[in-house]
Amino acid sequence: MIKGECPRHGDGVNMWLCCTHVAEGKATNVVISKYEHGTAMCFECSDKIDRLSSYNLSLFCEECLREFVNRLKAEGREESVIGGELLDKE
């Protein structure tokens, strides 16, 4: 897992490669995978992951991602979260 700094959660936290829709909290769905370093993409971006560039991608703190997923679930969108169990604390 990539380590980085989050303005909210400090330095040395796990970072996930995300599409900008997820990183900005604008996505209405998310596919989470631990493929390679860990990715979290909205459905649209996950279908075109091979065509994404640094313009479409961002690093996102694991705790911030967990909060985003919990928000989707609280809004009744459990079916819009695929792979959320990968964020369960060990």
PDB file of N, CA and C in Angstrom:
ATOM      1  N   MET A   1       0.853  -1.173   0.000  1.00  0.00           N
ATOM      2  CA  MET A   1       0.000   0.000   0.000  1.00  0.00           C
ATOM      3  C   MET A   1       0.901   1.239   0.000  1.00  0.00           C
ATOM      4  N   ILE A   2       0.520   2.231  -0.728  1.00  0.00           N
ATOM      5  CA  ILE A   2       1.242   3.498  -0.791  1.00  0.00           C
ATOM      6  C   ILE A   2       0.962   4.275   0.495  1.00  0.00           C
ATOM      7  N   LYS A   3       1.993   4.843   1.084  1.00  0.00           N
ATOM      8  CA  LYS A   3       1.832   5.695   2.272  1.00  0.00           C
ATOM      9  C   LYS A   3       1.922   7.147   1.827  1.00  0.00           C
ATOM     10  N   GLY A   4       1.170   8.018   2.477  1.00  0.00           N
ATOM     11  CA  GLY A   4       1.186   9.427   2.122  1.00  0.00           C
ATOM     12  C   GLY A   4       0.650  10.286   3.239  1.00  0.00           C
ATOM     13  N   GLU A   5       0.399  11.540   2.905  1.00  0.00           N
ATOM     14  CA  GLU A   5      -0.092  12.497   3.883  1.00  0.00           C
ATOM     15  C   GLU A   5      -1.495  12.955   3.512  1.00  0.00           C
ATOM     16  N   CYS A   6      -2.342  12.986   4.509  1.00  0.00           N
ATOM     17  CA  CYS A   6      -3.719  13.464   4.353  1.00  0.00           C
ATOM     18  C   CYS A   6      -3.870  14.703   5.232  1.00  0.00           C
ATOM     19  N   PRO A   7      -4.457  15.776   4.707  1.00  0.00           N
ATOM     20  CA  PRO A   7      -4.646  16.973   5.529  1.00  0.00           C
ATOM     21  C   PRO A   7      -5.495  16.728   6.776  1.00  0.00           C
ATOM     22  N   ARG A   8      -6.392  15.744   6.699  1.00  0.00           N
ATOM     23  CA  ARG A   8      -7.293  15.464   7.827  1.00  0.00           C
ATOM     24  C   ARG A   8      -6.765  14.387   8.762  1.00  0.00           C
ATOM     25  N   HIS A   9      -6.011  13.406   8.220  1.00  0.00           N
ATOM     26  CA  HIS A   9      -5.625  12.244   9.014  1.00  0.00           C
ATOM     27  C   HIS A   9      -4.122  12.098   9.218  1.00  0.00           C
ATOM     28  N   GLY A  10      -3.338  13.053   8.777  1.00  0.00           N
ATOM     29  CA  GLY A  10      -1.912  13.066   9.077  1.00  0.00           C
ATOM     30  C   GLY A  10      -1.043  12.357   8.062  1.00  0.00           C
ATOM     31  N   ASP A  11       0.224  12.166   8.459  1.00  0.00           N
ATOM     32  CA  ASP A  11       1.248  11.591   7.600  1.00  0.00           C
ATOM     33  C   ASP A  11       1.357  10.083   7.838  1.00  0.00           C
ATOM     34  N   GLY A  12       1.815   9.366   6.823  1.00  0.00           N
ATOM     35  CA  GLY A  12       2.051   7.934   6.952  1.00  0.00           C
ATOM     36  C   GLY A  12       0.795   7.089   6.870  1.00  0.00           C
ATOM     37  N   VAL A  13      -0.283   7.622   6.285  1.00  0.00           N
ATOM     38  CA  VAL A  13      -1.536   6.875   6.166  1.00  0.00           C
ATOM     39  C   VAL A  13      -1.579   6.130   4.831  1.00  0.00           C
ATOM     40  N   ASN A  14      -2.357   5.072   4.766  1.00  0.00           N
ATOM     41  CA  ASN A  14      -2.547   4.328   3.520  1.00  0.00           C
ATOM     42  C   ASN A  14      -3.294   5.199   2.524  1.00  0.00           C
ATOM     43  N   MET A  15      -2.782   5.208   1.289  1.00  0.00           N
ATOM     44  CA  MET A  15      -3.394   5.991   0.224  1.00  0.00           C
ATOM     45  C   MET A  15      -3.891   5.045  -0.867  1.00  0.00           C
ATOM     46  N   TRP A  16      -5.053   5.359  -1.419  1.00  0.00           N
ATOM     47  CA  TRP A  16      -5.668   4.576  -2.482  1.00  0.00           C
ATOM     48  C   TRP A  16      -5.664   5.393  -3.764  1.00  0.00           C
ATOM     49  N   LEU A  17      -5.472   4.733  -4.895  1.00  0.00           N
ATOM     50  CA  LEU A  17      -5.571   5.388  -6.188  1.00  0.00           C
ATOM     51  C   LEU A  17      -7.048   5.457  -6.553  1.00  0.00           C
ATOM     52  N   CYS A  18      -7.561   6.657  -6.708  1.00  0.00           N
ATOM     53  CA  CYS A  18      -8.991   6.859  -6.952  1.00  0.00           C
ATOM     54  C   CYS A  18      -9.210   7.733  -8.179  1.00  0.00           C
ATOM     55  N   CYS A  19     -10.363   7.574  -8.787  1.00  0.00           N
ATOM     56  CA  CYS A  19     -10.742   8.532  -9.819  1.00  0.00           C
ATOM     57  C   CYS A  19     -11.113   9.831  -9.109  1.00  0.00           C
ATOM     58  N   THR A  20     -11.060  10.925  -9.817  1.00  0.00           N
ATOM     59  CA  THR A  20     -11.344  12.220  -9.193  1.00  0.00           C
ATOM     60  C   THR A  20     -12.784  12.296  -8.678  1.00  0.00           C
ATOM     61  N   HIS A  21     -13.713  11.552  -9.290  1.00  0.00           N
ATOM     62  CA  HIS A  21     -15.105  11.572  -8.825  1.00  0.00           C
ATOM     63  C   HIS A  21     -15.207  11.072  -7.380  1.00  0.00           C
ATOM     64  N   VAL A  22     -14.469   9.994  -7.071  1.00  0.00           N
ATOM     65  CA  VAL A  22     -14.459   9.453  -5.719  1.00  0.00           C
ATOM     66  C   VAL A  22     -13.683  10.382  -4.790  1.00  0.00           C
ATOM     67  N   ALA A  23     -12.496  10.803  -5.208  1.00  0.00           N
ATOM     68  CA  ALA A  23     -11.635  11.644  -4.363  1.00  0.00           C
ATOM     69  C   ALA A  23     -12.302  12.964  -3.993  1.00  0.00           C
ATOM     70  N   GLU A  24     -13.131  13.489  -4.881  1.00  0.00           N
ATOM     71  CA  GLU A  24     -13.833  14.743  -4.608  1.00  0.00           C
ATOM     72  C   GLU A  24     -15.181  14.520  -3.929  1.00  0.00           C
ATOM     73  N   GLY A  25     -15.553  13.249  -3.720  1.00  0.00           N
ATOM     74  CA  GLY A  25     -16.818  12.936  -3.061  1.00  0.00           C
ATOM     75  C   GLY A  25     -18.037  13.132  -3.931  1.00  0.00           C
ATOM     76  N   LYS A  26     -17.848  13.190  -5.252  1.00  0.00           N
ATOM     77  CA  LYS A  26     -18.960  13.439  -6.175  1.00  0.00           C
ATOM     78  C   LYS A  26     -19.560  12.168  -6.771  1.00  0.00           C
ATOM     79  N   ALA A  27     -18.878  11.039  -6.585  1.00  0.00           N
ATOM     80  CA  ALA A  27     -19.369   9.775  -7.144  1.00  0.00           C
ATOM     81  C   ALA A  27     -20.613   9.317  -6.390  1.00  0.00           C
ATOM     82  N   THR A  28     -21.499   8.649  -7.094  1.00  0.00           N
ATOM     83  CA  THR A  28     -22.692   8.076  -6.458  1.00  0.00           C
ATOM     84  C   THR A  28     -22.551   6.570  -6.285  1.00  0.00           C
ATOM     85  N   ASN A  29     -21.385   6.035  -6.693  1.00  0.00           N
ATOM     86  CA  ASN A  29     -21.107   4.614  -6.573  1.00  0.00           C
ATOM     87  C   ASN A  29     -19.597   4.429  -6.557  1.00  0.00           C
ATOM     88  N   VAL A  30     -19.137   3.249  -6.126  1.00  0.00           N
ATOM     89  CA  VAL A  30     -17.695   3.009  -6.053  1.00  0.00           C
ATOM     90  C   VAL A  30     -17.395   1.517  -6.141  1.00  0.00           C
ATOM     91  N   VAL A  31     -16.329   1.195  -6.877  1.00  0.00           N
ATOM     92  CA  VAL A  31     -15.796  -0.157  -6.959  1.00  0.00           C
ATOM     93  C   VAL A  31     -14.422  -0.111  -6.301  1.00  0.00           C
ATOM     94  N   ILE A  32     -14.240  -0.899  -5.238  1.00  0.00           N
ATOM     95  CA  ILE A  32     -12.994  -0.908  -4.484  1.00  0.00           C
ATOM     96  C   ILE A  32     -12.269  -2.217  -4.748  1.00  0.00           C
ATOM     97  N   SER A  33     -10.977  -2.123  -5.036  1.00  0.00           N
ATOM     98  CA  SER A  33     -10.173  -3.305  -5.329  1.00  0.00           C
ATOM     99  C   SER A  33      -8.799  -3.143  -4.699  1.00  0.00           C
ATOM    100  N   LYS A  34      -8.232  -4.228  -4.227  1.00  0.00           N
ATOM    101  CA  LYS A  34      -6.858  -4.177  -3.713  1.00  0.00           C
ATOM    102  C   LYS A  34      -5.873  -4.604  -4.786  1.00  0.00           C
ATOM    103  N   TYR A  35      -6.298  -4.588  -6.048  1.00  0.00           N
ATOM    104  CA  TYR A  35      -5.409  -4.877  -7.167  1.00  0.00           C
ATOM    105  C   TYR A  35      -4.231  -3.919  -7.106  1.00  0.00           C
ATOM    106  N   GLU A  36      -3.033  -4.459  -7.135  1.00  0.00           N
ATOM    107  CA  GLU A  36      -1.792  -3.701  -6.995  1.00  0.00           C
ATOM    108  C   GLU A  36      -1.799  -2.902  -5.699  1.00  0.00           C
ATOM    109  N   HIS A  37      -1.955  -1.602  -5.731  1.00  0.00           N
ATOM    110  CA  HIS A  37      -1.839  -0.783  -4.524  1.00  0.00           C
ATOM    111  C   HIS A  37      -3.182  -0.454  -3.872  1.00  0.00           C
ATOM    112  N   GLY A  38      -4.260  -0.743  -4.493  1.00  0.00           N
ATOM    113  CA  GLY A  38      -5.580  -0.402  -3.977  1.00  0.00           C
ATOM    114  C   GLY A  38      -6.191   0.694  -4.824  1.00  0.00           C
ATOM    115  N   THR A  39      -7.346   0.416  -5.385  1.00  0.00           N
ATOM    116  CA  THR A  39      -8.028   1.392  -6.226  1.00  0.00           C
ATOM    117  C   THR A  39      -9.469   1.543  -5.772  1.00  0.00           C
ATOM    118  N   ALA A  40     -10.010   2.718  -6.017  1.00  0.00           N
ATOM    119  CA  ALA A  40     -11.424   2.988  -5.766  1.00  0.00           C
ATOM    120  C   ALA A  40     -11.899   3.888  -6.897  1.00  0.00           C
ATOM    121  N   MET A  41     -12.771   3.360  -7.725  1.00  0.00           N
ATOM    122  CA  MET A  41     -13.245   4.074  -8.903  1.00  0.00           C
ATOM    123  C   MET A  41     -14.768   4.065  -8.949  1.00  0.00           C
ATOM    124  N   CYS A  42     -15.343   5.132  -9.500  1.00  0.00           N
ATOM    125  CA  CYS A  42     -16.784   5.099  -9.757  1.00  0.00           C
ATOM    126  C   CYS A  42     -17.010   4.090 -10.886  1.00  0.00           C
ATOM    127  N   PHE A  43     -18.244   3.659 -11.079  1.00  0.00           N
ATOM    128  CA  PHE A  43     -18.542   2.641 -12.084  1.00  0.00           C
ATOM    129  C   PHE A  43     -18.052   3.072 -13.464  1.00  0.00           C
ATOM    130  N   GLU A  44     -18.306   4.334 -13.826  1.00  0.00           N
ATOM    131  CA  GLU A  44     -17.932   4.825 -15.156  1.00  0.00           C
ATOM    132  C   GLU A  44     -16.417   4.742 -15.368  1.00  0.00           C
ATOM    133  N   CYS A  45     -15.646   5.225 -14.419  1.00  0.00           N
ATOM    134  CA  CYS A  45     -14.184   5.207 -14.556  1.00  0.00           C
ATOM    135  C   CYS A  45     -13.613   3.797 -14.477  1.00  0.00           C
ATOM    136  N   SER A  46     -14.242   2.913 -13.699  1.00  0.00           N
ATOM    137  CA  SER A  46     -13.734   1.543 -13.603  1.00  0.00           C
ATOM    138  C   SER A  46     -13.862   0.824 -14.941  1.00  0.00           C
ATOM    139  N   ASP A  47     -14.822   1.219 -15.767  1.00  0.00           N
ATOM    140  CA  ASP A  47     -14.977   0.624 -17.094  1.00  0.00           C
ATOM    141  C   ASP A  47     -13.916   1.095 -18.080  1.00  0.00           C
ATOM    142  N   LYS A  48     -13.290   2.232 -17.791  1.00  0.00           N
ATOM    143  CA  LYS A  48     -12.283   2.778 -18.711  1.00  0.00           C
ATOM    144  C   LYS A  48     -10.947   3.028 -17.997  1.00  0.00           C
ATOM    145  N   ILE A  49     -10.630   2.206 -17.006  1.00  0.00           N
ATOM    146  CA  ILE A  49      -9.437   2.413 -16.194  1.00  0.00           C
ATOM    147  C   ILE A  49      -8.162   2.466 -17.037  1.00  0.00           C
ATOM    148  N   ASP A  50      -8.115   1.715 -18.129  1.00  0.00           N
ATOM    149  CA  ASP A  50      -6.918   1.703 -18.974  1.00  0.00           C
ATOM    150  C   ASP A  50      -6.735   3.007 -19.746  1.00  0.00           C
ATOM    151  N   ARG A  51      -7.754   3.859 -19.784  1.00  0.00           N
ATOM    152  CA  ARG A  51      -7.654   5.128 -20.507  1.00  0.00           C
ATOM    153  C   ARG A  51      -7.573   6.338 -19.582  1.00  0.00           C
ATOM    154  N   LEU A  52      -7.490   6.103 -18.267  1.00  0.00           N
ATOM    155  CA  LEU A  52      -7.403   7.207 -17.321  1.00  0.00           C
ATOM    156  C   LEU A  52      -5.968   7.720 -17.244  1.00  0.00           C
ATOM    157  N   SER A  53      -5.817   8.978 -16.902  1.00  0.00           N
ATOM    158  CA  SER A  53      -4.494   9.594 -16.785  1.00  0.00           C
ATOM    159  C   SER A  53      -4.402  10.327 -15.451  1.00  0.00           C
ATOM    160  N   SER A  54      -3.283  10.973 -15.212  1.00  0.00           N
ATOM    161  CA  SER A  54      -3.113  11.717 -13.960  1.00  0.00           C
ATOM    162  C   SER A  54      -4.165  12.825 -13.829  1.00  0.00           C
ATOM    163  N   TYR A  55      -4.752  13.250 -14.923  1.00  0.00           N
ATOM    164  CA  TYR A  55      -5.823  14.248 -14.882  1.00  0.00           C
ATOM    165  C   TYR A  55      -7.084  13.680 -14.228  1.00  0.00           C
ATOM    166  N   ASN A  56      -7.306  12.373 -14.395  1.00  0.00           N
ATOM    167  CA  ASN A  56      -8.516  11.717 -13.880  1.00  0.00           C
ATOM    168  C   ASN A  56      -8.302  10.988 -12.563  1.00  0.00           C
ATOM    169  N   LEU A  57      -7.043  10.918 -12.098  1.00  0.00           N
ATOM    170  CA  LEU A  57      -6.720  10.104 -10.933  1.00  0.00           C
ATOM    171  C   LEU A  57      -6.155  10.947  -9.792  1.00  0.00           C
ATOM    172  N   SER A  58      -6.334  10.440  -8.587  1.00  0.00           N
ATOM    173  CA  SER A  58      -5.861  11.140  -7.402  1.00  0.00           C
ATOM    174  C   SER A  58      -5.579  10.110  -6.312  1.00  0.00           C
ATOM    175  N   LEU A  59      -4.723  10.459  -5.359  1.00  0.00           N
ATOM    176  CA  LEU A  59      -4.533   9.616  -4.190  1.00  0.00           C
ATOM    177  C   LEU A  59      -5.496  10.066  -3.110  1.00  0.00           C
ATOM    178  N   PHE A  60      -6.083   9.113  -2.409  1.00  0.00           N
ATOM    179  CA  PHE A  60      -7.118   9.389  -1.424  1.00  0.00           C
ATOM    180  C   PHE A  60      -6.811   8.563  -0.181  1.00  0.00           C
ATOM    181  N   CYS A  61      -6.791   9.191   0.954  1.00  0.00           N
ATOM    182  CA  CYS A  61      -6.510   8.536   2.227  1.00  0.00           C
ATOM    183  C   CYS A  61      -7.540   7.428   2.498  1.00  0.00           C
ATOM    184  N   GLU A  62      -7.076   6.308   3.063  1.00  0.00           N
ATOM    185  CA  GLU A  62      -7.957   5.181   3.348  1.00  0.00           C
ATOM    186  C   GLU A  62      -9.099   5.563   4.300  1.00  0.00           C
ATOM    187  N   GLU A  63      -8.802   6.358   5.304  1.00  0.00           N
ATOM    188  CA  GLU A  63      -9.852   6.764   6.253  1.00  0.00           C
ATOM    189  C   GLU A  63     -10.877   7.666   5.572  1.00  0.00           C
ATOM    190  N   CYS A  64     -10.417   8.574   4.702  1.00  0.00           N
ATOM    191  CA  CYS A  64     -11.350   9.421   3.944  1.00  0.00           C
ATOM    192  C   CYS A  64     -12.208   8.563   3.016  1.00  0.00           C
ATOM    193  N   LEU A  65     -11.603   7.543   2.403  1.00  0.00           N
ATOM    194  CA  LEU A  65     -12.362   6.624   1.544  1.00  0.00           C
ATOM    195  C   LEU A  65     -13.397   5.875   2.362  1.00  0.00           C
ATOM    196  N   ARG A  66     -13.015   5.417   3.540  1.00  0.00           N
ATOM    197  CA  ARG A  66     -13.944   4.715   4.433  1.00  0.00           C
ATOM    198  C   ARG A  66     -15.135   5.640   4.777  1.00  0.00           C
ATOM    199  N   GLU A  67     -14.847   6.901   5.073  1.00  0.00           N
ATOM    200  CA  GLU A  67     -15.910   7.857   5.392  1.00  0.00           C
ATOM    201  C   GLU A  67     -16.835   8.073   4.191  1.00  0.00           C
ATOM    202  N   PHE A  68     -16.261   8.134   2.992  1.00  0.00           N
ATOM    203  CA  PHE A  68     -17.062   8.300   1.774  1.00  0.00           C
ATOM    204  C   PHE A  68     -17.991   7.097   1.580  1.00  0.00           C
ATOM    205  N   VAL A  69     -17.441   5.893   1.740  1.00  0.00           N
ATOM    206  CA  VAL A  69     -18.247   4.674   1.596  1.00  0.00           C
ATOM    207  C   VAL A  69     -19.360   4.636   2.646  1.00  0.00           C
ATOM    208  N   ASN A  70     -19.041   4.990   3.876  1.00  0.00           N
ATOM    209  CA  ASN A  70     -20.056   5.017   4.938  1.00  0.00           C
ATOM    210  C   ASN A  70     -21.152   6.023   4.631  1.00  0.00           C
ATOM    211  N   ARG A  71     -20.792   7.149   4.015  1.00  0.00           N
ATOM    212  CA  ARG A  71     -21.800   8.137   3.630  1.00  0.00           C
ATOM    213  C   ARG A  71     -22.744   7.564   2.571  1.00  0.00           C
ATOM    214  N   LEU A  72     -22.184   6.881   1.570  1.00  0.00           N
ATOM    215  CA  LEU A  72     -23.036   6.255   0.554  1.00  0.00           C
ATOM    216  C   LEU A  72     -23.993   5.256   1.192  1.00  0.00           C
ATOM    217  N   LYS A  73     -23.477   4.443   2.113  1.00  0.00           N
ATOM    218  CA  LYS A  73     -24.319   3.458   2.791  1.00  0.00           C
ATOM    219  C   LYS A  73     -25.401   4.137   3.630  1.00  0.00           C
ATOM    220  N   ALA A  74     -25.050   5.221   4.312  1.00  0.00           N
ATOM    221  CA  ALA A  74     -26.024   5.945   5.134  1.00  0.00           C
ATOM    222  C   ALA A  74     -27.128   6.554   4.278  1.00  0.00           C
ATOM    223  N   GLU A  75     -26.804   6.868   3.030  1.00  0.00           N
ATOM    224  CA  GLU A  75     -27.796   7.409   2.094  1.00  0.00           C
ATOM    225  C   GLU A  75     -28.641   6.310   1.461  1.00  0.00           C
ATOM    226  N   GLY A  76     -28.439   5.053   1.891  1.00  0.00           N
ATOM    227  CA  GLY A  76     -29.218   3.934   1.363  1.00  0.00           C
ATOM    228  C   GLY A  76     -28.687   3.392   0.050  1.00  0.00           C
ATOM    229  N   ARG A  77     -27.424   3.623  -0.233  1.00  0.00           N
ATOM    230  CA  ARG A  77     -26.841   3.183  -1.501  1.00  0.00           C
ATOM    231  C   ARG A  77     -25.883   2.008  -1.315  1.00  0.00           C
ATOM    232  N   GLU A  78     -26.212   1.073  -0.449  1.00  0.00           N
ATOM    233  CA  GLU A  78     -25.346  -0.076  -0.206  1.00  0.00           C
ATOM    234  C   GLU A  78     -25.023  -0.820  -1.495  1.00  0.00           C
ATOM    235  N   GLU A  79     -26.005  -0.925  -2.396  1.00  0.00           N
ATOM    236  CA  GLU A  79     -25.796  -1.635  -3.656  1.00  0.00           C
ATOM    237  C   GLU A  79     -24.857  -0.883  -4.587  1.00  0.00           C
ATOM    238  N   SER A  80     -24.551   0.357  -4.265  1.00  0.00           N
ATOM    239  CA  SER A  80     -23.636   1.164  -5.072  1.00  0.00           C
ATOM    240  C   SER A  80     -22.190   1.051  -4.608  1.00  0.00           C
ATOM    241  N   VAL A  81     -21.947   0.218  -3.615  1.00  0.00           N
ATOM    242  CA  VAL A  81     -20.594   0.016  -3.087  1.00  0.00           C
ATOM    243  C   VAL A  81     -20.190  -1.436  -3.328  1.00  0.00           C
ATOM    244  N   ILE A  82     -19.205  -1.627  -4.183  1.00  0.00           N
ATOM    245  CA  ILE A  82     -18.682  -2.964  -4.463  1.00  0.00           C
ATOM    246  C   ILE A  82     -17.283  -3.051  -3.865  1.00  0.00           C
ATOM    247  N   GLY A  83     -17.052  -4.025  -3.014  1.00  0.00           N
ATOM    248  CA  GLY A  83     -15.744  -4.219  -2.403  1.00  0.00           C
ATOM    249  C   GLY A  83     -15.538  -3.453  -1.111  1.00  0.00           C
ATOM    250  N   GLY A  84     -16.611  -2.909  -0.544  1.00  0.00           N
ATOM    251  CA  GLY A  84     -16.499  -2.147   0.698  1.00  0.00           C
ATOM    252  C   GLY A  84     -15.897  -2.930   1.856  1.00  0.00           C
ATOM    253  N   GLU A  85     -16.036  -4.243   1.830  1.00  0.00           N
ATOM    254  CA  GLU A  85     -15.481  -5.083   2.895  1.00  0.00           C
ATOM    255  C   GLU A  85     -13.951  -5.006   2.929  1.00  0.00           C
ATOM    256  N   LEU A  86     -13.326  -4.582   1.842  1.00  0.00           N
ATOM    257  CA  LEU A  86     -11.868  -4.440   1.812  1.00  0.00           C
ATOM    258  C   LEU A  86     -11.379  -3.298   2.714  1.00  0.00           C
ATOM    259  N   LEU A  87     -12.286  -2.439   3.124  1.00  0.00           N
ATOM    260  CA  LEU A  87     -11.940  -1.332   3.998  1.00  0.00           C
ATOM    261  C   LEU A  87     -12.180  -1.645   5.474  1.00  0.00           C
ATOM    262  N   ASP A  88     -12.717  -2.836   5.762  1.00  0.00           N
ATOM    263  CA  ASP A  88     -12.945  -3.207   7.155  1.00  0.00           C
ATOM    264  C   ASP A  88     -11.627  -3.198   7.895  1.00  0.00           C
ATOM    265  N   LYS A  89     -11.626  -2.622   9.093  1.00  0.00           N
ATOM    266  CA  LYS A  89     -10.397  -2.572   9.898  1.00  0.00           C
ATOM    267  C   LYS A  89     -10.005  -3.970  10.296  1.00  0.00           C
ATOM    268  N   GLU A  90      -8.707  -4.202  10.233  1.00  0.00           N
ATOM    269  CA  GLU A  90      -8.200  -5.545  10.555  1.00  0.00           C
ATOM    270  C   GLU A  90      -7.850  -5.640  12.008  1.00  0.00           C
TER     271      GLU A  90
END
